[in-house]
């Protein structure tokens, strides 16, 4: 089960609204949604959580690039909303690299054999079959790290330190809203 909310800073404090993410397919869509809720290009926080699995905070300040924090990247990677947040940049990948690799794999048979040609079994006495050793995650360009990922200081100037952010778990949104002084407005939309 997912929950998503927008917290927009105004002159009078914070305004909260729950939000539907049905039409959001990219980080750009999510950023546009946040900017649409902004008052005078002030800070907007988008909060997304999958119950007991992960949460993410996206901070949008005016026209600046969004700042993102995800509590558990590997859990988020298994979620359609999490995939929106796990951009190539956040994962430390070259933008578009995944598309290029897929295109190359279509063009070239990467095991070195011609199409339809059987693979020759390895007969070296010292070699260990790959199935025994398992995949090496360090060499996997598609691997997503377990645990927190992103901008740990995303809420530092708003009262949630890096250390506090790392310790948030099951009711993270309530704790963030409490630190912002927005607990009552958030509770009204929850």
N, C-alpha and C. Protein backbone atom coordinates (compact mmCIF):
# COMPACT_ATOMS: atom_id res chain seq x y z
N UNK A 1 0.84 -1.17 0.00
CA UNK A 1 0.00 0.00 0.00
C UNK A 1 0.89 1.24 0.00
N UNK A 2 0.54 2.18 -0.84
CA UNK A 2 1.32 3.41 -0.97
C UNK A 2 0.58 4.59 -0.35
N UNK A 3 1.35 5.56 0.10
CA UNK A 3 0.79 6.83 0.52
C UNK A 3 1.71 7.92 -0.03
N UNK A 4 1.13 8.97 -0.57
CA UNK A 4 1.92 10.08 -1.08
C UNK A 4 1.30 11.38 -0.61
N UNK A 5 2.14 12.33 -0.24
CA UNK A 5 1.66 13.63 0.22
C UNK A 5 2.60 14.72 -0.27
N UNK A 6 2.03 15.90 -0.41
CA UNK A 6 2.80 17.10 -0.74
C UNK A 6 2.76 18.02 0.46
N UNK A 7 3.90 18.56 0.83
CA UNK A 7 3.99 19.59 1.87
C UNK A 7 4.61 20.82 1.21
N UNK A 8 3.82 21.88 1.13
CA UNK A 8 4.29 23.12 0.49
C UNK A 8 4.44 24.21 1.54
N UNK A 9 5.61 24.84 1.56
CA UNK A 9 5.86 25.92 2.52
C UNK A 9 5.24 27.20 2.01
N UNK A 10 4.54 27.89 2.90
CA UNK A 10 3.92 29.18 2.58
C UNK A 10 4.34 30.20 3.63
N UNK A 11 3.88 31.45 3.47
CA UNK A 11 4.17 32.49 4.46
C UNK A 11 3.59 32.12 5.83
N UNK A 12 2.48 31.40 5.83
CA UNK A 12 1.79 31.06 7.07
C UNK A 12 2.18 29.70 7.62
N UNK A 13 3.17 29.06 7.07
CA UNK A 13 3.58 27.73 7.53
C UNK A 13 3.52 26.74 6.38
N UNK A 14 3.14 25.52 6.69
CA UNK A 14 3.09 24.46 5.70
C UNK A 14 1.65 24.11 5.35
N UNK A 15 1.42 23.83 4.08
CA UNK A 15 0.14 23.31 3.62
C UNK A 15 0.39 21.88 3.16
N UNK A 16 -0.51 20.99 3.55
CA UNK A 16 -0.37 19.59 3.18
C UNK A 16 -1.53 19.16 2.30
N UNK A 17 -1.22 18.24 1.39
CA UNK A 17 -2.27 17.62 0.58
C UNK A 17 -1.82 16.22 0.21
N UNK A 18 -2.80 15.29 0.21
CA UNK A 18 -2.44 13.98 -0.31
C UNK A 18 -2.50 14.09 -1.82
N UNK A 19 -1.83 13.21 -2.48
CA UNK A 19 -1.76 13.33 -3.92
C UNK A 19 -1.84 11.95 -4.58
N UNK A 20 -2.43 11.93 -5.73
CA UNK A 20 -2.48 10.71 -6.53
C UNK A 20 -1.30 10.70 -7.49
N UNK A 21 -0.67 9.57 -7.61
CA UNK A 21 0.49 9.45 -8.48
C UNK A 21 0.19 8.64 -9.73
N UNK A 22 -1.10 8.42 -10.02
CA UNK A 22 -1.49 7.60 -11.16
C UNK A 22 -0.95 8.13 -12.48
N UNK A 23 -0.88 9.45 -12.65
CA UNK A 23 -0.42 10.05 -13.91
C UNK A 23 1.08 10.37 -13.90
N UNK A 24 1.77 10.03 -12.82
CA UNK A 24 3.20 10.31 -12.71
C UNK A 24 3.99 9.10 -13.20
N UNK A 25 4.78 9.33 -14.25
CA UNK A 25 5.58 8.25 -14.82
C UNK A 25 7.09 8.50 -14.72
N UNK A 26 7.48 9.76 -14.52
CA UNK A 26 8.90 10.10 -14.48
C UNK A 26 9.17 11.07 -13.34
N UNK A 27 10.44 11.24 -13.04
CA UNK A 27 10.83 12.22 -12.03
C UNK A 27 10.43 13.62 -12.48
N UNK A 28 10.50 13.88 -13.76
CA UNK A 28 10.09 15.17 -14.30
C UNK A 28 8.61 15.43 -14.03
N UNK A 29 7.76 14.41 -14.21
CA UNK A 29 6.33 14.54 -13.90
C UNK A 29 6.13 14.86 -12.43
N UNK A 30 6.87 14.17 -11.57
CA UNK A 30 6.76 14.38 -10.13
C UNK A 30 7.23 15.78 -9.74
N UNK A 31 8.29 16.24 -10.36
CA UNK A 31 8.81 17.58 -10.11
C UNK A 31 7.80 18.64 -10.56
N UNK A 32 7.18 18.44 -11.72
CA UNK A 32 6.15 19.37 -12.20
C UNK A 32 4.96 19.41 -11.25
N UNK A 33 4.58 18.26 -10.71
CA UNK A 33 3.49 18.19 -9.74
C UNK A 33 3.82 19.01 -8.50
N UNK A 34 5.05 18.89 -8.03
CA UNK A 34 5.49 19.65 -6.86
C UNK A 34 5.52 21.14 -7.15
N UNK A 35 6.06 21.50 -8.30
CA UNK A 35 6.12 22.93 -8.65
C UNK A 35 4.72 23.53 -8.78
N UNK A 36 3.76 22.73 -9.22
CA UNK A 36 2.38 23.19 -9.32
C UNK A 36 1.76 23.47 -7.97
N UNK A 37 2.25 22.82 -6.92
CA UNK A 37 1.74 23.03 -5.57
C UNK A 37 2.50 24.14 -4.84
N UNK A 38 3.57 24.62 -5.43
CA UNK A 38 4.42 25.63 -4.80
C UNK A 38 3.74 26.99 -4.74
N UNK A 39 3.98 27.67 -3.63
CA UNK A 39 3.50 29.03 -3.46
C UNK A 39 4.72 29.94 -3.57
N UNK A 40 4.72 30.82 -4.55
CA UNK A 40 5.84 31.75 -4.77
C UNK A 40 7.19 31.04 -4.90
N UNK A 41 7.18 29.87 -5.58
CA UNK A 41 8.38 29.08 -5.82
C UNK A 41 9.13 28.71 -4.54
N UNK A 42 8.40 28.56 -3.45
CA UNK A 42 8.99 28.14 -2.18
C UNK A 42 9.14 26.62 -2.16
N UNK A 43 9.70 26.10 -1.10
CA UNK A 43 9.99 24.68 -0.96
C UNK A 43 8.73 23.83 -0.96
N UNK A 44 8.79 22.73 -1.71
CA UNK A 44 7.74 21.71 -1.68
C UNK A 44 8.44 20.37 -1.45
N UNK A 45 7.87 19.60 -0.53
CA UNK A 45 8.35 18.25 -0.28
C UNK A 45 7.31 17.26 -0.77
N UNK A 46 7.75 16.29 -1.53
CA UNK A 46 6.88 15.19 -1.94
C UNK A 46 7.35 13.99 -1.13
N UNK A 47 6.40 13.36 -0.47
CA UNK A 47 6.71 12.20 0.35
C UNK A 47 5.97 11.00 -0.23
N UNK A 48 6.69 9.91 -0.45
CA UNK A 48 6.09 8.67 -0.95
C UNK A 48 6.55 7.56 -0.03
N UNK A 49 5.59 6.72 0.38
CA UNK A 49 6.01 5.57 1.17
C UNK A 49 5.25 4.32 0.73
N UNK A 50 5.95 3.22 0.78
CA UNK A 50 5.31 1.92 0.63
C UNK A 50 5.37 1.32 2.02
N UNK A 51 4.21 1.06 2.56
CA UNK A 51 4.07 0.66 3.95
C UNK A 51 5.09 -0.39 4.37
N UNK A 52 5.84 -0.06 5.42
CA UNK A 52 6.83 -0.94 6.04
C UNK A 52 7.95 -1.41 5.12
N UNK A 53 8.12 -0.80 3.95
CA UNK A 53 9.19 -1.22 3.05
C UNK A 53 10.20 -0.11 2.81
N UNK A 54 9.74 1.06 2.39
CA UNK A 54 10.65 2.17 2.08
C UNK A 54 9.85 3.47 2.02
N UNK A 55 10.58 4.58 2.10
CA UNK A 55 9.98 5.88 1.85
C UNK A 55 10.98 6.74 1.09
N UNK A 56 10.45 7.73 0.41
CA UNK A 56 11.30 8.66 -0.33
C UNK A 56 10.82 10.08 -0.11
N UNK A 57 11.77 11.01 -0.08
CA UNK A 57 11.47 12.43 0.03
C UNK A 57 12.11 13.13 -1.16
N UNK A 58 11.30 13.89 -1.87
CA UNK A 58 11.80 14.68 -2.99
C UNK A 58 11.59 16.13 -2.61
N UNK A 59 12.62 16.91 -2.67
CA UNK A 59 12.54 18.33 -2.32
C UNK A 59 12.71 19.15 -3.59
N UNK A 60 11.75 20.04 -3.80
CA UNK A 60 11.80 20.92 -4.96
C UNK A 60 11.79 22.36 -4.45
N UNK A 61 12.85 23.10 -4.77
CA UNK A 61 12.97 24.52 -4.40
C UNK A 61 12.98 25.34 -5.68
N UNK A 62 11.84 25.95 -6.01
CA UNK A 62 11.75 26.78 -7.21
C UNK A 62 12.11 26.00 -8.45
N UNK A 63 13.03 26.55 -9.24
CA UNK A 63 13.43 25.92 -10.50
C UNK A 63 14.69 25.05 -10.36
N UNK A 64 15.18 24.88 -9.14
CA UNK A 64 16.36 24.05 -8.92
C UNK A 64 16.04 22.58 -9.20
N UNK A 65 17.07 21.80 -9.49
CA UNK A 65 16.88 20.37 -9.67
C UNK A 65 16.34 19.77 -8.37
N UNK A 66 15.50 18.74 -8.47
CA UNK A 66 14.98 18.11 -7.25
C UNK A 66 16.09 17.40 -6.50
N UNK A 67 15.94 17.39 -5.19
CA UNK A 67 16.86 16.65 -4.32
C UNK A 67 16.09 15.45 -3.80
N UNK A 68 16.73 14.29 -3.80
CA UNK A 68 16.03 13.04 -3.52
C UNK A 68 16.74 12.26 -2.41
N UNK A 69 15.93 11.67 -1.54
CA UNK A 69 16.43 10.72 -0.55
C UNK A 69 15.48 9.52 -0.56
N UNK A 70 16.05 8.31 -0.58
CA UNK A 70 15.27 7.07 -0.53
C UNK A 70 15.81 6.24 0.63
N UNK A 71 14.91 5.78 1.50
CA UNK A 71 15.33 5.07 2.71
C UNK A 71 15.92 3.69 2.44
N UNK A 72 15.45 3.00 1.41
CA UNK A 72 15.97 1.68 1.06
C UNK A 72 15.88 1.51 -0.46
N UNK A 73 16.99 1.73 -1.12
CA UNK A 73 17.01 1.74 -2.59
C UNK A 73 16.63 0.39 -3.18
N UNK A 74 17.10 -0.70 -2.59
CA UNK A 74 16.79 -2.01 -3.18
C UNK A 74 15.30 -2.33 -3.06
N UNK A 75 14.66 -1.94 -1.96
CA UNK A 75 13.20 -2.13 -1.83
C UNK A 75 12.46 -1.22 -2.80
N UNK A 76 12.92 0.01 -2.94
CA UNK A 76 12.28 0.96 -3.85
C UNK A 76 12.40 0.51 -5.31
N UNK A 77 13.49 -0.18 -5.64
CA UNK A 77 13.70 -0.64 -7.02
C UNK A 77 12.66 -1.67 -7.44
N UNK A 78 12.04 -2.31 -6.47
CA UNK A 78 11.00 -3.31 -6.78
C UNK A 78 9.61 -2.67 -6.83
N UNK A 79 9.56 -1.36 -6.81
CA UNK A 79 8.29 -0.62 -6.79
C UNK A 79 8.23 0.32 -7.99
N UNK A 80 7.07 0.44 -8.60
CA UNK A 80 6.96 1.34 -9.75
C UNK A 80 7.20 2.79 -9.35
N UNK A 81 6.74 3.20 -8.17
CA UNK A 81 6.99 4.57 -7.73
C UNK A 81 8.45 4.75 -7.31
N UNK A 82 9.04 3.73 -6.75
CA UNK A 82 10.44 3.79 -6.38
C UNK A 82 11.35 3.93 -7.58
N UNK A 83 11.00 3.25 -8.66
CA UNK A 83 11.79 3.34 -9.88
C UNK A 83 11.84 4.76 -10.42
N UNK A 84 10.78 5.53 -10.17
CA UNK A 84 10.75 6.93 -10.61
C UNK A 84 11.86 7.72 -9.92
N UNK A 85 12.09 7.42 -8.65
CA UNK A 85 13.07 8.16 -7.86
C UNK A 85 14.51 7.72 -8.11
N UNK A 86 14.69 6.46 -8.48
CA UNK A 86 16.02 5.90 -8.65
C UNK A 86 16.57 6.21 -10.04
N UNK A 87 16.93 7.45 -10.23
CA UNK A 87 17.45 7.90 -11.51
C UNK A 87 18.88 7.41 -11.71
N UNK A 88 19.34 7.44 -12.95
CA UNK A 88 20.73 7.08 -13.24
C UNK A 88 21.68 7.91 -12.40
N UNK A 89 21.41 9.20 -12.30
CA UNK A 89 22.28 10.10 -11.53
C UNK A 89 22.34 9.67 -10.07
N UNK A 90 21.20 9.37 -9.47
CA UNK A 90 21.15 8.97 -8.07
C UNK A 90 21.90 7.66 -7.86
N UNK A 91 21.82 6.76 -8.83
CA UNK A 91 22.49 5.46 -8.74
C UNK A 91 23.95 5.51 -9.17
N UNK A 92 24.42 6.67 -9.63
CA UNK A 92 25.81 6.81 -10.04
C UNK A 92 26.10 6.18 -11.38
N UNK A 93 25.08 6.07 -12.21
CA UNK A 93 25.26 5.52 -13.55
C UNK A 93 25.31 6.64 -14.57
N UNK A 94 25.92 6.33 -15.70
CA UNK A 94 25.93 7.28 -16.79
C UNK A 94 24.51 7.35 -17.37
N UNK A 95 23.93 8.56 -17.50
CA UNK A 95 22.56 8.67 -18.03
C UNK A 95 22.41 7.98 -19.37
N UNK A 96 21.36 7.18 -19.49
CA UNK A 96 21.08 6.49 -20.74
C UNK A 96 21.89 5.22 -20.95
N UNK A 97 22.79 4.89 -20.03
CA UNK A 97 23.65 3.71 -20.20
C UNK A 97 22.83 2.43 -20.31
N UNK A 98 21.76 2.34 -19.55
CA UNK A 98 20.92 1.14 -19.58
C UNK A 98 20.31 0.93 -20.97
N UNK A 99 19.87 2.01 -21.61
CA UNK A 99 19.30 1.91 -22.96
C UNK A 99 20.36 1.49 -23.97
N UNK A 100 21.58 2.03 -23.83
CA UNK A 100 22.66 1.68 -24.75
C UNK A 100 23.05 0.22 -24.61
N UNK A 101 23.11 -0.28 -23.39
CA UNK A 101 23.46 -1.69 -23.15
C UNK A 101 22.42 -2.60 -23.77
N UNK A 102 21.14 -2.29 -23.57
CA UNK A 102 20.06 -3.10 -24.14
C UNK A 102 20.15 -3.12 -25.67
N UNK A 103 20.44 -1.97 -26.27
CA UNK A 103 20.55 -1.90 -27.73
C UNK A 103 21.72 -2.74 -28.23
N UNK A 104 22.84 -2.67 -27.53
CA UNK A 104 24.01 -3.46 -27.93
C UNK A 104 23.75 -4.95 -27.78
N UNK A 105 23.06 -5.34 -26.72
CA UNK A 105 22.76 -6.76 -26.52
C UNK A 105 21.88 -7.30 -27.65
N UNK A 106 21.02 -6.47 -28.19
CA UNK A 106 20.19 -6.89 -29.32
C UNK A 106 21.04 -7.12 -30.56
N UNK A 107 22.06 -6.29 -30.74
CA UNK A 107 22.88 -6.36 -31.94
C UNK A 107 23.93 -7.45 -31.89
N UNK A 108 24.47 -7.72 -30.72
CA UNK A 108 25.61 -8.61 -30.57
C UNK A 108 25.27 -9.72 -29.58
N UNK A 109 25.64 -10.93 -29.92
CA UNK A 109 25.49 -12.04 -28.99
C UNK A 109 26.70 -11.96 -28.06
N UNK A 110 26.50 -11.53 -26.83
CA UNK A 110 27.62 -11.21 -25.95
C UNK A 110 28.38 -12.42 -25.41
N UNK A 111 27.90 -13.63 -25.67
CA UNK A 111 28.65 -14.79 -25.19
C UNK A 111 29.75 -15.20 -26.17
N UNK A 112 29.87 -14.52 -27.30
CA UNK A 112 30.95 -14.79 -28.26
C UNK A 112 30.63 -15.87 -29.27
N UNK A 113 29.45 -16.41 -29.23
CA UNK A 113 29.08 -17.43 -30.21
C UNK A 113 28.17 -16.81 -31.25
N UNK A 114 28.12 -17.47 -32.40
CA UNK A 114 27.20 -17.05 -33.44
C UNK A 114 25.80 -17.51 -33.04
N UNK A 115 24.78 -16.84 -33.56
CA UNK A 115 23.41 -17.28 -33.30
C UNK A 115 23.24 -18.73 -33.70
N UNK A 116 22.68 -19.55 -32.82
CA UNK A 116 22.43 -20.95 -33.13
C UNK A 116 23.61 -21.86 -32.86
N UNK A 117 24.81 -21.32 -32.65
CA UNK A 117 26.01 -22.13 -32.40
C UNK A 117 26.04 -22.50 -30.91
N UNK A 118 26.22 -23.76 -30.58
CA UNK A 118 26.26 -24.13 -29.15
C UNK A 118 27.52 -23.59 -28.50
N UNK A 119 27.41 -23.30 -27.22
CA UNK A 119 28.57 -22.83 -26.47
C UNK A 119 29.47 -24.01 -26.14
N UNK A 120 30.78 -23.79 -26.21
CA UNK A 120 31.74 -24.84 -25.87
C UNK A 120 31.91 -24.84 -24.35
N UNK A 121 31.79 -26.01 -23.72
CA UNK A 121 32.00 -26.05 -22.27
C UNK A 121 33.47 -25.79 -21.93
N UNK A 122 33.69 -25.14 -20.81
CA UNK A 122 35.04 -24.86 -20.33
C UNK A 122 35.65 -26.16 -19.82
N UNK A 123 36.88 -26.47 -20.23
CA UNK A 123 37.50 -27.71 -19.78
C UNK A 123 38.73 -27.44 -18.92
N UNK A 124 38.98 -26.19 -18.57
CA UNK A 124 40.13 -25.89 -17.72
C UNK A 124 39.91 -26.49 -16.34
N UNK A 125 40.92 -27.20 -15.85
CA UNK A 125 40.79 -27.84 -14.55
C UNK A 125 40.65 -26.82 -13.43
N UNK A 126 41.23 -25.65 -13.60
CA UNK A 126 41.19 -24.64 -12.54
C UNK A 126 39.98 -23.73 -12.57
N UNK A 127 39.17 -23.81 -13.61
CA UNK A 127 38.05 -22.89 -13.69
C UNK A 127 36.87 -23.39 -12.87
N UNK A 128 36.13 -22.45 -12.33
CA UNK A 128 34.95 -22.75 -11.53
C UNK A 128 33.74 -22.26 -12.30
N UNK A 129 32.74 -23.09 -12.50
CA UNK A 129 31.54 -22.65 -13.21
C UNK A 129 30.91 -21.44 -12.53
N UNK A 130 30.36 -20.53 -13.35
CA UNK A 130 29.76 -19.31 -12.81
C UNK A 130 28.61 -19.61 -11.87
N UNK A 131 27.88 -20.70 -12.09
CA UNK A 131 26.73 -21.03 -11.25
C UNK A 131 27.16 -21.32 -9.82
N UNK A 132 28.39 -21.79 -9.62
CA UNK A 132 28.87 -22.10 -8.28
C UNK A 132 29.25 -20.83 -7.54
N UNK A 133 29.90 -19.91 -8.23
CA UNK A 133 30.36 -18.69 -7.57
C UNK A 133 29.26 -17.65 -7.45
N UNK A 134 28.24 -17.68 -8.32
CA UNK A 134 27.17 -16.69 -8.27
C UNK A 134 27.59 -15.39 -8.90
N UNK A 135 26.65 -14.50 -9.08
CA UNK A 135 26.98 -13.22 -9.72
C UNK A 135 27.79 -12.32 -8.79
N UNK A 136 28.65 -11.56 -9.38
CA UNK A 136 29.44 -10.60 -8.63
C UNK A 136 28.72 -9.26 -8.68
N UNK A 137 28.13 -8.84 -7.56
CA UNK A 137 27.33 -7.61 -7.54
C UNK A 137 28.16 -6.37 -7.85
N UNK A 138 29.47 -6.43 -7.55
CA UNK A 138 30.30 -5.26 -7.84
C UNK A 138 30.43 -5.02 -9.35
N UNK A 139 30.31 -6.09 -10.14
CA UNK A 139 30.44 -5.96 -11.58
C UNK A 139 29.10 -5.77 -12.28
N UNK A 140 28.00 -5.84 -11.56
CA UNK A 140 26.66 -5.73 -12.14
C UNK A 140 26.27 -4.25 -12.25
N UNK A 141 26.21 -3.72 -13.46
CA UNK A 141 25.88 -2.30 -13.62
C UNK A 141 24.42 -1.99 -13.27
N UNK A 142 23.58 -3.02 -13.19
CA UNK A 142 22.17 -2.80 -12.87
C UNK A 142 21.86 -3.01 -11.39
N UNK A 143 22.86 -3.38 -10.59
CA UNK A 143 22.64 -3.62 -9.17
C UNK A 143 22.25 -2.32 -8.46
N UNK A 144 21.29 -2.45 -7.56
CA UNK A 144 20.85 -1.30 -6.77
C UNK A 144 21.28 -1.57 -5.33
N UNK A 145 21.97 -0.63 -4.71
CA UNK A 145 22.47 -0.87 -3.35
C UNK A 145 21.32 -0.98 -2.35
N UNK A 146 21.54 -1.82 -1.35
CA UNK A 146 20.58 -1.92 -0.26
C UNK A 146 20.81 -0.74 0.68
N UNK A 147 19.76 -0.29 1.32
CA UNK A 147 19.88 0.78 2.30
C UNK A 147 19.63 2.15 1.69
N UNK A 148 19.91 3.17 2.49
CA UNK A 148 19.61 4.55 2.08
C UNK A 148 20.45 5.02 0.90
N UNK A 149 19.84 5.90 0.11
CA UNK A 149 20.52 6.43 -1.05
C UNK A 149 20.01 7.84 -1.32
N UNK A 150 20.91 8.72 -1.68
CA UNK A 150 20.50 10.07 -2.06
C UNK A 150 21.09 11.14 -1.17
N UNK A 151 20.41 12.26 -1.13
CA UNK A 151 20.85 13.47 -0.44
C UNK A 151 20.46 13.40 1.04
N UNK A 152 21.43 13.02 1.88
CA UNK A 152 21.15 12.92 3.32
C UNK A 152 20.83 14.27 3.96
N UNK A 153 21.25 15.35 3.35
CA UNK A 153 21.00 16.68 3.90
C UNK A 153 19.74 17.33 3.35
N UNK A 154 18.88 16.55 2.69
CA UNK A 154 17.70 17.10 2.02
C UNK A 154 16.78 17.86 2.98
N UNK A 155 16.77 17.48 4.25
CA UNK A 155 15.88 18.14 5.22
C UNK A 155 16.64 18.81 6.36
N UNK A 156 17.96 18.86 6.28
CA UNK A 156 18.78 19.37 7.38
C UNK A 156 18.41 20.79 7.78
N UNK A 157 18.21 21.69 6.82
CA UNK A 157 17.87 23.07 7.16
C UNK A 157 16.42 23.22 7.63
N UNK A 158 15.66 22.14 7.56
CA UNK A 158 14.26 22.16 7.99
C UNK A 158 14.06 21.47 9.34
N UNK A 159 15.16 21.04 9.96
CA UNK A 159 15.07 20.46 11.30
C UNK A 159 15.23 18.95 11.39
N UNK A 160 15.52 18.28 10.27
CA UNK A 160 15.74 16.84 10.30
C UNK A 160 17.19 16.59 9.85
N UNK A 161 18.04 16.28 10.82
CA UNK A 161 19.46 16.09 10.52
C UNK A 161 19.68 14.81 9.72
N UNK A 162 20.89 14.68 9.18
CA UNK A 162 21.25 13.48 8.44
C UNK A 162 21.08 12.24 9.33
N UNK A 163 21.56 12.34 10.56
CA UNK A 163 21.46 11.22 11.50
C UNK A 163 19.99 10.87 11.76
N UNK A 164 19.17 11.89 11.99
CA UNK A 164 17.74 11.65 12.23
C UNK A 164 17.08 11.00 11.02
N UNK A 165 17.42 11.46 9.83
CA UNK A 165 16.83 10.93 8.61
C UNK A 165 17.16 9.44 8.46
N UNK A 166 18.38 9.07 8.77
CA UNK A 166 18.81 7.68 8.65
C UNK A 166 18.11 6.75 9.65
N UNK A 167 17.62 7.30 10.76
CA UNK A 167 16.97 6.46 11.76
C UNK A 167 15.46 6.34 11.57
N UNK A 168 14.89 7.13 10.66
CA UNK A 168 13.44 7.07 10.43
C UNK A 168 13.06 5.74 9.79
N UNK A 169 11.96 5.16 10.25
CA UNK A 169 11.51 3.88 9.69
C UNK A 169 10.01 3.88 9.43
N UNK A 170 9.22 3.34 10.35
CA UNK A 170 7.82 3.04 10.06
C UNK A 170 6.90 4.24 9.95
N UNK A 171 7.06 5.26 10.73
CA UNK A 171 6.18 6.42 10.65
C UNK A 171 7.00 7.67 10.32
N UNK A 172 7.81 7.55 9.31
CA UNK A 172 8.74 8.60 8.95
C UNK A 172 8.05 9.92 8.62
N UNK A 173 6.94 9.87 7.88
CA UNK A 173 6.26 11.09 7.48
C UNK A 173 5.78 11.88 8.69
N UNK A 174 5.24 11.20 9.68
CA UNK A 174 4.77 11.89 10.89
C UNK A 174 5.93 12.57 11.60
N UNK A 175 7.08 11.90 11.67
CA UNK A 175 8.24 12.49 12.33
C UNK A 175 8.80 13.68 11.54
N UNK A 176 8.80 13.57 10.23
CA UNK A 176 9.26 14.68 9.39
C UNK A 176 8.30 15.86 9.56
N UNK A 177 7.01 15.60 9.48
CA UNK A 177 6.00 16.67 9.63
C UNK A 177 6.09 17.32 11.00
N UNK A 178 6.36 16.52 12.02
CA UNK A 178 6.50 17.07 13.38
C UNK A 178 7.71 18.01 13.45
N UNK A 179 8.82 17.60 12.86
CA UNK A 179 10.02 18.45 12.85
C UNK A 179 9.79 19.75 12.07
N UNK A 180 8.93 19.70 11.03
CA UNK A 180 8.63 20.88 10.23
C UNK A 180 7.59 21.78 10.89
N UNK A 181 6.92 21.25 11.90
CA UNK A 181 5.80 21.99 12.50
C UNK A 181 4.54 21.85 11.66
N UNK A 182 4.44 20.76 10.91
CA UNK A 182 3.32 20.56 10.00
C UNK A 182 2.49 19.33 10.35
N UNK A 183 2.63 18.84 11.58
CA UNK A 183 1.94 17.60 11.96
C UNK A 183 0.43 17.73 11.88
N UNK A 184 -0.12 18.86 12.31
CA UNK A 184 -1.57 19.02 12.31
C UNK A 184 -2.12 19.10 10.88
N UNK A 185 -1.47 19.85 10.01
CA UNK A 185 -1.97 19.97 8.64
C UNK A 185 -1.85 18.64 7.89
N UNK A 186 -0.80 17.89 8.21
CA UNK A 186 -0.65 16.59 7.58
C UNK A 186 -1.73 15.63 8.06
N UNK A 187 -1.99 15.64 9.36
CA UNK A 187 -3.00 14.74 9.91
C UNK A 187 -4.37 15.00 9.30
N UNK A 188 -4.63 16.24 8.93
CA UNK A 188 -5.92 16.59 8.32
C UNK A 188 -6.11 15.93 6.96
N UNK A 189 -5.03 15.64 6.23
CA UNK A 189 -5.17 15.02 4.91
C UNK A 189 -4.92 13.52 4.91
N UNK A 190 -4.43 13.02 6.00
CA UNK A 190 -4.09 11.59 6.06
C UNK A 190 -5.26 10.73 6.31
